[in-house]
Full PDB file with SEQRES, HELIX, SHEET, SSBOND, CRYST1, ORIGX, SCALE, CONECT and MASTER records, all heavy atoms in Angstrom:
SEQRES   1 A   30  PHE LEU VAL ALA SER VAL ASP TYR ARG TYR TRP LEU ALA          
SEQRES   2 A   30  LEU TYR ARG PRO ILE TYR LEU GLY ILE MET ILE PHE LEU          
SEQRES   3 A   30  VAL THR LEU THR                                              
HELIX    1 AA1 TYR A    8  ALA A   13  1                                   6    
HELIX    2 AA2 TYR A   15  LEU A   29  1                                  15    
CRYST1    1.000    1.000    1.000  90.00  90.00  90.00 P 1           1          
ORIGX1      1.000000  0.000000  0.000000        0.00000                         
ORIGX2      0.000000  1.000000  0.000000        0.00000                         
ORIGX3      0.000000  0.000000  1.000000        0.00000                         
SCALE1      1.000000  0.000000  0.000000        0.00000                         
SCALE2      0.000000  1.000000  0.000000        0.00000                         
SCALE3      0.000000  0.000000  1.000000        0.00000                         
ATOM      1  N   PHE A   1       0.739 -16.617  -3.944  1.00  0.00           N  
ATOM      2  CA  PHE A   1      -0.710 -16.792  -4.091  1.00  0.00           C  
ATOM      3  C   PHE A   1      -1.451 -15.459  -3.882  1.00  0.00           C  
ATOM      4  O   PHE A   1      -2.441 -15.198  -4.559  1.00  0.00           O  
ATOM      5  CB  PHE A   1      -1.210 -17.831  -3.102  1.00  0.00           C  
ATOM      6  CG  PHE A   1      -0.853 -19.252  -3.482  1.00  0.00           C  
ATOM      7  CD1 PHE A   1       0.224 -19.901  -2.913  1.00  0.00           C  
ATOM      8  CD2 PHE A   1      -1.585 -19.895  -4.467  1.00  0.00           C  
ATOM      9  CE1 PHE A   1       0.543 -21.184  -3.292  1.00  0.00           C  
ATOM     10  CE2 PHE A   1      -1.256 -21.198  -4.860  1.00  0.00           C  
ATOM     11  CZ  PHE A   1      -0.190 -21.852  -4.270  1.00  0.00           C  
ATOM     12  N   LEU A   2      -0.961 -14.636  -2.943  1.00  0.00           N  
ATOM     13  CA  LEU A   2      -1.617 -13.369  -2.725  1.00  0.00           C  
ATOM     14  C   LEU A   2      -1.500 -12.458  -3.940  1.00  0.00           C  
ATOM     15  O   LEU A   2      -2.475 -11.838  -4.371  1.00  0.00           O  
ATOM     16  CB  LEU A   2      -1.014 -12.680  -1.487  1.00  0.00           C  
ATOM     17  CG  LEU A   2      -1.364 -13.270  -0.127  1.00  0.00           C  
ATOM     18  CD1 LEU A   2      -0.640 -12.528   0.979  1.00  0.00           C  
ATOM     19  CD2 LEU A   2      -2.872 -13.259   0.104  1.00  0.00           C  
ATOM     20  N   VAL A   3      -0.313 -12.375  -4.506  1.00  0.00           N  
ATOM     21  CA  VAL A   3      -0.108 -11.512  -5.663  1.00  0.00           C  
ATOM     22  C   VAL A   3      -0.850 -12.063  -6.883  1.00  0.00           C  
ATOM     23  O   VAL A   3      -1.420 -11.325  -7.676  1.00  0.00           O  
ATOM     24  CB  VAL A   3       1.413 -11.380  -5.950  1.00  0.00           C  
ATOM     25  CG1 VAL A   3       1.632 -10.633  -7.272  1.00  0.00           C  
ATOM     26  CG2 VAL A   3       2.113 -10.656  -4.848  1.00  0.00           C  
ATOM     27  N   ALA A   4      -0.874 -13.409  -7.003  1.00  0.00           N  
ATOM     28  CA  ALA A   4      -1.566 -14.013  -8.142  1.00  0.00           C  
ATOM     29  C   ALA A   4      -3.075 -13.801  -8.079  1.00  0.00           C  
ATOM     30  O   ALA A   4      -3.764 -13.824  -9.098  1.00  0.00           O  
ATOM     31  CB  ALA A   4      -1.273 -15.506  -8.199  1.00  0.00           C  
ATOM     32  N   SER A   5      -3.582 -13.568  -6.852  1.00  0.00           N  
ATOM     33  CA  SER A   5      -5.020 -13.376  -6.700  1.00  0.00           C  
ATOM     34  C   SER A   5      -5.466 -11.943  -7.008  1.00  0.00           C  
ATOM     35  O   SER A   5      -6.648 -11.651  -7.043  1.00  0.00           O  
ATOM     36  CB  SER A   5      -5.437 -13.721  -5.257  1.00  0.00           C  
ATOM     37  OG  SER A   5      -4.830 -12.827  -4.349  1.00  0.00           O  
ATOM     38  N   VAL A   6      -4.494 -11.057  -7.235  1.00  0.00           N  
ATOM     39  CA  VAL A   6      -4.788  -9.641  -7.566  1.00  0.00           C  
ATOM     40  C   VAL A   6      -4.621  -9.455  -9.069  1.00  0.00           C  
ATOM     41  O   VAL A   6      -3.633  -9.902  -9.665  1.00  0.00           O  
ATOM     42  CB  VAL A   6      -3.862  -8.709  -6.800  1.00  0.00           C  
ATOM     43  CG1 VAL A   6      -4.136  -7.262  -7.204  1.00  0.00           C  
ATOM     44  CG2 VAL A   6      -4.015  -8.874  -5.309  1.00  0.00           C  
ATOM     45  N   ASP A   7      -5.574  -8.809  -9.672  1.00  0.00           N  
ATOM     46  CA  ASP A   7      -5.516  -8.532 -11.100  1.00  0.00           C  
ATOM     47  C   ASP A   7      -4.229  -7.740 -11.397  1.00  0.00           C  
ATOM     48  O   ASP A   7      -3.982  -6.693 -10.819  1.00  0.00           O  
ATOM     49  CB  ASP A   7      -6.729  -7.705 -11.514  1.00  0.00           C  
ATOM     50  CG  ASP A   7      -6.852  -7.589 -13.027  1.00  0.00           C  
ATOM     51  OD1 ASP A   7      -5.836  -7.741 -13.730  1.00  0.00           O  
ATOM     52  OD2 ASP A   7      -7.968  -7.328 -13.505  1.00  0.00           O  
ATOM     53  N   TYR A   8      -3.434  -8.254 -12.315  1.00  0.00           N  
ATOM     54  CA  TYR A   8      -2.130  -7.623 -12.610  1.00  0.00           C  
ATOM     55  C   TYR A   8      -2.287  -6.201 -13.111  1.00  0.00           C  
ATOM     56  O   TYR A   8      -1.376  -5.385 -13.024  1.00  0.00           O  
ATOM     57  CB  TYR A   8      -1.376  -8.461 -13.653  1.00  0.00           C  
ATOM     58  CG  TYR A   8      -1.972  -8.402 -15.046  1.00  0.00           C  
ATOM     59  CD1 TYR A   8      -1.561  -7.464 -15.977  1.00  0.00           C  
ATOM     60  CD2 TYR A   8      -2.966  -9.319 -15.440  1.00  0.00           C  
ATOM     61  CE1 TYR A   8      -2.086  -7.409 -17.230  1.00  0.00           C  
ATOM     62  CE2 TYR A   8      -3.516  -9.264 -16.706  1.00  0.00           C  
ATOM     63  CZ  TYR A   8      -3.071  -8.321 -17.601  1.00  0.00           C  
ATOM     64  OH  TYR A   8      -3.585  -8.245 -18.858  1.00  0.00           O  
ATOM     65  N   ARG A   9      -3.476  -5.881 -13.662  1.00  0.00           N  
ATOM     66  CA  ARG A   9      -3.683  -4.527 -14.194  1.00  0.00           C  
ATOM     67  C   ARG A   9      -3.681  -3.475 -13.098  1.00  0.00           C  
ATOM     68  O   ARG A   9      -3.435  -2.304 -13.366  1.00  0.00           O  
ATOM     69  CB  ARG A   9      -4.979  -4.493 -14.984  1.00  0.00           C  
ATOM     70  CG  ARG A   9      -4.871  -5.226 -16.345  1.00  0.00           C  
ATOM     71  CD  ARG A   9      -6.200  -5.363 -17.017  1.00  0.00           C  
ATOM     72  NE  ARG A   9      -7.103  -6.253 -16.281  1.00  0.00           N  
ATOM     73  CZ  ARG A   9      -8.285  -6.657 -16.734  1.00  0.00           C  
ATOM     74  NH1 ARG A   9      -8.694  -6.264 -17.945  1.00  0.00           N  
ATOM     75  NH2 ARG A   9      -9.043  -7.452 -16.026  1.00  0.00           N  
ATOM     76  N   TYR A  10      -3.943  -3.895 -11.853  1.00  0.00           N  
ATOM     77  CA  TYR A  10      -3.834  -2.936 -10.740  1.00  0.00           C  
ATOM     78  C   TYR A  10      -2.396  -2.465 -10.580  1.00  0.00           C  
ATOM     79  O   TYR A  10      -2.133  -1.298 -10.353  1.00  0.00           O  
ATOM     80  CB  TYR A  10      -4.331  -3.600  -9.435  1.00  0.00           C  
ATOM     81  CG  TYR A  10      -5.822  -3.767  -9.355  1.00  0.00           C  
ATOM     82  CD1 TYR A  10      -6.365  -4.931  -8.853  1.00  0.00           C  
ATOM     83  CD2 TYR A  10      -6.700  -2.769  -9.762  1.00  0.00           C  
ATOM     84  CE1 TYR A  10      -7.741  -5.115  -8.788  1.00  0.00           C  
ATOM     85  CE2 TYR A  10      -8.067  -2.933  -9.684  1.00  0.00           C  
ATOM     86  CZ  TYR A  10      -8.592  -4.107  -9.193  1.00  0.00           C  
ATOM     87  OH  TYR A  10      -9.933  -4.269  -9.114  1.00  0.00           O  
ATOM     88  N   TRP A  11      -1.475  -3.426 -10.667  1.00  0.00           N  
ATOM     89  CA  TRP A  11      -0.068  -3.061 -10.532  1.00  0.00           C  
ATOM     90  C   TRP A  11       0.396  -2.184 -11.682  1.00  0.00           C  
ATOM     91  O   TRP A  11       1.153  -1.217 -11.480  1.00  0.00           O  
ATOM     92  CB  TRP A  11       0.792  -4.321 -10.461  1.00  0.00           C  
ATOM     93  CG  TRP A  11       0.412  -5.254  -9.363  1.00  0.00           C  
ATOM     94  CD1 TRP A  11      -0.176  -6.487  -9.489  1.00  0.00           C  
ATOM     95  CD2 TRP A  11       0.585  -5.049  -7.948  1.00  0.00           C  
ATOM     96  NE1 TRP A  11      -0.387  -7.057  -8.248  1.00  0.00           N  
ATOM     97  CE2 TRP A  11       0.084  -6.189  -7.289  1.00  0.00           C  
ATOM     98  CE3 TRP A  11       1.113  -4.007  -7.188  1.00  0.00           C  
ATOM     99  CZ2 TRP A  11       0.085  -6.325  -5.893  1.00  0.00           C  
ATOM    100  CZ3 TRP A  11       1.132  -4.135  -5.798  1.00  0.00           C  
ATOM    101  CH2 TRP A  11       0.629  -5.287  -5.182  1.00  0.00           C  
ATOM    102  N   LEU A  12      -0.041  -2.522 -12.890  1.00  0.00           N  
ATOM    103  CA  LEU A  12       0.381  -1.746 -14.054  1.00  0.00           C  
ATOM    104  C   LEU A  12      -0.185  -0.336 -13.981  1.00  0.00           C  
ATOM    105  O   LEU A  12       0.457   0.614 -14.431  1.00  0.00           O  
ATOM    106  CB  LEU A  12      -0.105  -2.439 -15.337  1.00  0.00           C  
ATOM    107  CG  LEU A  12       0.495  -3.809 -15.626  1.00  0.00           C  
ATOM    108  CD1 LEU A  12       0.014  -4.318 -16.973  1.00  0.00           C  
ATOM    109  CD2 LEU A  12       2.018  -3.771 -15.593  1.00  0.00           C  
ATOM    110  N   ALA A  13      -1.378  -0.161 -13.418  1.00  0.00           N  
ATOM    111  CA  ALA A  13      -1.989   1.166 -13.310  1.00  0.00           C  
ATOM    112  C   ALA A  13      -1.232   2.062 -12.344  1.00  0.00           C  
ATOM    113  O   ALA A  13      -1.301   3.278 -12.427  1.00  0.00           O  
ATOM    114  CB  ALA A  13      -3.430   1.051 -12.859  1.00  0.00           C  
ATOM    115  N   LEU A  14      -0.456   1.453 -11.443  1.00  0.00           N  
ATOM    116  CA  LEU A  14       0.281   2.208 -10.426  1.00  0.00           C  
ATOM    117  C   LEU A  14       1.766   2.353 -10.773  1.00  0.00           C  
ATOM    118  O   LEU A  14       2.592   2.655  -9.905  1.00  0.00           O  
ATOM    119  CB  LEU A  14       0.158   1.531  -9.051  1.00  0.00           C  
ATOM    120  CG  LEU A  14      -1.255   1.430  -8.469  1.00  0.00           C  
ATOM    121  CD1 LEU A  14      -1.255   0.553  -7.209  1.00  0.00           C  
ATOM    122  CD2 LEU A  14      -1.778   2.809  -8.134  1.00  0.00           C  
ATOM    123  N   TYR A  15       2.091   2.140 -12.046  1.00  0.00           N  
ATOM    124  CA  TYR A  15       3.517   2.080 -12.398  1.00  0.00           C  
ATOM    125  C   TYR A  15       4.239   3.416 -12.126  1.00  0.00           C  
ATOM    126  O   TYR A  15       5.424   3.406 -11.745  1.00  0.00           O  
ATOM    127  CB  TYR A  15       3.686   1.646 -13.856  1.00  0.00           C  
ATOM    128  CG  TYR A  15       3.403   2.713 -14.892  1.00  0.00           C  
ATOM    129  CD1 TYR A  15       4.435   3.441 -15.466  1.00  0.00           C  
ATOM    130  CD2 TYR A  15       2.101   2.984 -15.308  1.00  0.00           C  
ATOM    131  CE1 TYR A  15       4.184   4.411 -16.422  1.00  0.00           C  
ATOM    132  CE2 TYR A  15       1.842   3.956 -16.267  1.00  0.00           C  
ATOM    133  CZ  TYR A  15       2.877   4.665 -16.804  1.00  0.00           C  
ATOM    134  OH  TYR A  15       2.639   5.628 -17.759  1.00  0.00           O  
ATOM    135  N   ARG A  16       3.571   4.554 -12.295  1.00  0.00           N  
ATOM    136  CA  ARG A  16       4.240   5.838 -12.059  1.00  0.00           C  
ATOM    137  C   ARG A  16       4.609   6.033 -10.579  1.00  0.00           C  
ATOM    138  O   ARG A  16       5.773   6.317 -10.278  1.00  0.00           O  
ATOM    139  CB  ARG A  16       3.366   6.975 -12.543  1.00  0.00           C  
ATOM    140  CG  ARG A  16       3.342   7.155 -14.058  1.00  0.00           C  
ATOM    141  CD  ARG A  16       2.721   8.469 -14.454  1.00  0.00           C  
ATOM    142  NE  ARG A  16       2.712   8.670 -15.901  1.00  0.00           N  
ATOM    143  CZ  ARG A  16       1.724   8.343 -16.693  1.00  0.00           C  
ATOM    144  NH1 ARG A  16       0.627   7.823 -16.185  1.00  0.00           N  
ATOM    145  NH2 ARG A  16       1.791   8.537 -18.011  1.00  0.00           N  
ATOM    146  N   PRO A  17       3.643   5.934  -9.623  1.00  0.00           N  
ATOM    147  CA  PRO A  17       4.039   6.097  -8.217  1.00  0.00           C  
ATOM    148  C   PRO A  17       4.999   5.016  -7.733  1.00  0.00           C  
ATOM    149  O   PRO A  17       5.882   5.282  -6.893  1.00  0.00           O  
ATOM    150  CB  PRO A  17       2.698   6.028  -7.450  1.00  0.00           C  
ATOM    151  CG  PRO A  17       1.737   5.427  -8.398  1.00  0.00           C  
ATOM    152  CD  PRO A  17       2.186   5.801  -9.765  1.00  0.00           C  
ATOM    153  N   ILE A  18       4.872   3.803  -8.262  1.00  0.00           N  
ATOM    154  CA  ILE A  18       5.798   2.746  -7.881  1.00  0.00           C  
ATOM    155  C   ILE A  18       7.219   3.084  -8.344  1.00  0.00           C  
ATOM    156  O   ILE A  18       8.193   2.935  -7.611  1.00  0.00           O  
ATOM    157  CB  ILE A  18       5.338   1.389  -8.468  1.00  0.00           C  
ATOM    158  CG1 ILE A  18       4.071   0.898  -7.756  1.00  0.00           C  
ATOM    159  CG2 ILE A  18       6.448   0.329  -8.323  1.00  0.00           C  
ATOM    160  CD1 ILE A  18       3.495  -0.372  -8.354  1.00  0.00           C  
ATOM    161  N   TYR A  19       7.325   3.549  -9.579  1.00  0.00           N  
ATOM    162  CA  TYR A  19       8.638   3.904 -10.124  1.00  0.00           C  
ATOM    163  C   TYR A  19       9.231   5.079  -9.372  1.00  0.00           C  
ATOM    164  O   TYR A  19      10.425   5.055  -8.992  1.00  0.00           O  
ATOM    165  CB  TYR A  19       8.491   4.249 -11.605  1.00  0.00           C  
ATOM    166  CG  TYR A  19       9.802   4.537 -12.316  1.00  0.00           C  
ATOM    167  CD1 TYR A  19      10.631   3.502 -12.729  1.00  0.00           C  
ATOM    168  CD2 TYR A  19      10.206   5.849 -12.556  1.00  0.00           C  
ATOM    169  CE1 TYR A  19      11.809   3.768 -13.388  1.00  0.00           C  
ATOM    170  CE2 TYR A  19      11.400   6.115 -13.202  1.00  0.00           C  
ATOM    171  CZ  TYR A  19      12.188   5.080 -13.612  1.00  0.00           C  
ATOM    172  OH  TYR A  19      13.387   5.331 -14.267  1.00  0.00           O  
ATOM    173  N   LEU A  20       8.433   6.088  -9.090  1.00  0.00           N  
ATOM    174  CA  LEU A  20       8.895   7.256  -8.331  1.00  0.00           C  
ATOM    175  C   LEU A  20       9.323   6.851  -6.934  1.00  0.00           C  
ATOM    176  O   LEU A  20      10.364   7.319  -6.438  1.00  0.00           O  
ATOM    177  CB  LEU A  20       7.792   8.303  -8.289  1.00  0.00           C  
ATOM    178  CG  LEU A  20       8.114   9.600  -7.494  1.00  0.00           C  
ATOM    179  CD1 LEU A  20       9.302  10.302  -8.134  1.00  0.00           C  
ATOM    180  CD2 LEU A  20       6.902  10.500  -7.435  1.00  0.00           C  
ATOM    181  N   GLY A  21       8.550   5.981  -6.300  1.00  0.00           N  
ATOM    182  CA  GLY A  21       8.872   5.555  -4.944  1.00  0.00           C  
ATOM    183  C   GLY A  21      10.206   4.837  -4.861  1.00  0.00           C  
ATOM    184  O   GLY A  21      11.027   5.112  -3.960  1.00  0.00           O  
ATOM    185  N   ILE A  22      10.476   3.912  -5.792  1.00  0.00           N  
ATOM    186  CA  ILE A  22      11.733   3.146  -5.719  1.00  0.00           C  
ATOM    187  C   ILE A  22      12.909   4.047  -6.050  1.00  0.00           C  
ATOM    188  O   ILE A  22      14.002   3.885  -5.492  1.00  0.00           O  
ATOM    189  CB  ILE A  22      11.678   1.937  -6.667  1.00  0.00           C  
ATOM    190  CG1 ILE A  22      12.785   0.931  -6.266  1.00  0.00           C  
ATOM    191  CG2 ILE A  22      11.826   2.322  -8.112  1.00  0.00           C  
ATOM    192  CD1 ILE A  22      12.642   0.365  -4.904  1.00  0.00           C  
ATOM    193  N   MET A  23      12.710   5.052  -6.934  1.00  0.00           N  
ATOM    194  CA  MET A  23      13.804   5.965  -7.242  1.00  0.00           C  
ATOM    195  C   MET A  23      14.147   6.828  -6.023  1.00  0.00           C  
ATOM    196  O   MET A  23      15.319   7.082  -5.755  1.00  0.00           O  
ATOM    197  CB  MET A  23      13.407   6.857  -8.423  1.00  0.00           C  
ATOM    198  CG  MET A  23      13.329   6.114  -9.759  1.00  0.00           C  
ATOM    199  SD  MET A  23      14.907   5.360 -10.234  1.00  0.00           S  
ATOM    200  CE  MET A  23      15.865   6.829 -10.606  1.00  0.00           C  
ATOM    201  N   ILE A  24      13.125   7.222  -5.251  1.00  0.00           N  
ATOM    202  CA  ILE A  24      13.377   7.997  -4.040  1.00  0.00           C  
ATOM    203  C   ILE A  24      14.154   7.141  -3.027  1.00  0.00           C  
ATOM    204  O   ILE A  24      15.110   7.618  -2.387  1.00  0.00           O  
ATOM    205  CB  ILE A  24      12.046   8.477  -3.418  1.00  0.00           C  
ATOM    206  CG1 ILE A  24      11.411   9.539  -4.326  1.00  0.00           C  
ATOM    207  CG2 ILE A  24      12.275   9.045  -2.027  1.00  0.00           C  
ATOM    208  CD1 ILE A  24      10.023   9.984  -3.860  1.00  0.00           C  
ATOM    209  N   PHE A  25      13.774   5.867  -2.891  1.00  0.00           N  
ATOM    210  CA  PHE A  25      14.463   4.979  -2.000  1.00  0.00           C  
ATOM    211  C   PHE A  25      15.929   4.818  -2.410  1.00  0.00           C  
ATOM    212  O   PHE A  25      16.850   4.854  -1.571  1.00  0.00           O  
ATOM    213  CB  PHE A  25      13.785   3.603  -1.961  1.00  0.00           C  
ATOM    214  CG  PHE A  25      12.745   3.478  -0.909  1.00  0.00           C  
ATOM    215  CD1 PHE A  25      11.410   3.343  -1.254  1.00  0.00           C  
ATOM    216  CD2 PHE A  25      13.090   3.490   0.453  1.00  0.00           C  
ATOM    217  CE1 PHE A  25      10.432   3.232  -0.278  1.00  0.00           C  
ATOM    218  CE2 PHE A  25      12.120   3.373   1.420  1.00  0.00           C  
ATOM    219  CZ  PHE A  25      10.794   3.249   1.066  1.00  0.00           C  
ATOM    220  N   LEU A  26      16.169   4.642  -3.693  1.00  0.00           N  
ATOM    221  CA  LEU A  26      17.538   4.435  -4.166  1.00  0.00           C  
ATOM    222  C   LEU A  26      18.389   5.687  -4.014  1.00  0.00           C  
ATOM    223  O   LEU A  26      19.583   5.588  -3.674  1.00  0.00           O  
ATOM    224  CB  LEU A  26      17.518   3.992  -5.637  1.00  0.00           C  
ATOM    225  CG  LEU A  26      16.904   2.608  -5.902  1.00  0.00           C  
ATOM    226  CD1 LEU A  26      16.813   2.340  -7.403  1.00  0.00           C  
ATOM    227  CD2 LEU A  26      17.739   1.514  -5.226  1.00  0.00           C  
ATOM    228  N   VAL A  27      17.805   6.852  -4.242  1.00  0.00           N  
ATOM    229  CA  VAL A  27      18.556   8.092  -4.040  1.00  0.00           C  
ATOM    230  C   VAL A  27      18.852   8.307  -2.559  1.00  0.00           C  
ATOM    231  O   VAL A  27      19.977   8.675  -2.179  1.00  0.00           O  
ATOM    232  CB  VAL A  27      17.750   9.293  -4.596  1.00  0.00           C  
ATOM    233  CG1 VAL A  27      18.376  10.615  -4.165  1.00  0.00           C  
ATOM    234  CG2 VAL A  27      17.641   9.213  -6.115  1.00  0.00           C  
ATOM    235  N   THR A  28      17.878   8.050  -1.696  1.00  0.00           N  
ATOM    236  CA  THR A  28      18.074   8.197  -0.267  1.00  0.00           C  
ATOM    237  C   THR A  28      19.112   7.212   0.251  1.00  0.00           C  
ATOM    238  O   THR A  28      19.893   7.513   1.161  1.00  0.00           O  
ATOM    239  CB  THR A  28      16.750   7.985   0.489  1.00  0.00           C  
ATOM    240  OG1 THR A  28      15.755   8.835  -0.059  1.00  0.00           O  
ATOM    241  CG2 THR A  28      16.902   8.278   1.968  1.00  0.00           C  
ATOM    242  N   LEU A  29      19.153   6.032  -0.328  1.00  0.00           N  
ATOM    243  CA  LEU A  29      20.076   5.000   0.105  1.00  0.00           C  
ATOM    244  C   LEU A  29      21.532   5.452  -0.029  1.00  0.00           C  
ATOM    245  O   LEU A  29      22.384   5.094   0.778  1.00  0.00           O  
ATOM    246  CB  LEU A  29      19.882   3.726  -0.724  1.00  0.00           C  
ATOM    247  CG  LEU A  29      20.702   2.502  -0.352  1.00  0.00           C  
ATOM    248  CD1 LEU A  29      20.312   2.010   1.041  1.00  0.00           C  
ATOM    249  CD2 LEU A  29      20.524   1.385  -1.375  1.00  0.00           C  
ATOM    250  N   THR A  30      21.805   6.303  -1.026  1.00  0.00           N  
ATOM    251  CA  THR A  30      23.167   6.767  -1.245  1.00  0.00           C  
ATOM    252  C   THR A  30      23.704   7.542  -0.040  1.00  0.00           C  
ATOM    253  O   THR A  30      24.890   7.451   0.299  1.00  0.00           O  
ATOM    254  CB  THR A  30      23.213   7.669  -2.500  1.00  0.00           C  
ATOM    255  OG1 THR A  30      22.688   6.944  -3.612  1.00  0.00           O  
ATOM    256  CG2 THR A  30      24.631   8.111  -2.797  1.00  0.00           C  
TER     257      THR A  30                                                      
MASTER        0    0    0    2    0    0    0    6  256    1    0    3          
END                                                                             
């Protein structure tokens, strides 16, 4: 419900930092 209450376009606008963040996590995990 919390995620559904947020305009999905906010998430799409942040796709670059989100992608970079998860890649850093996955590299660090190694």
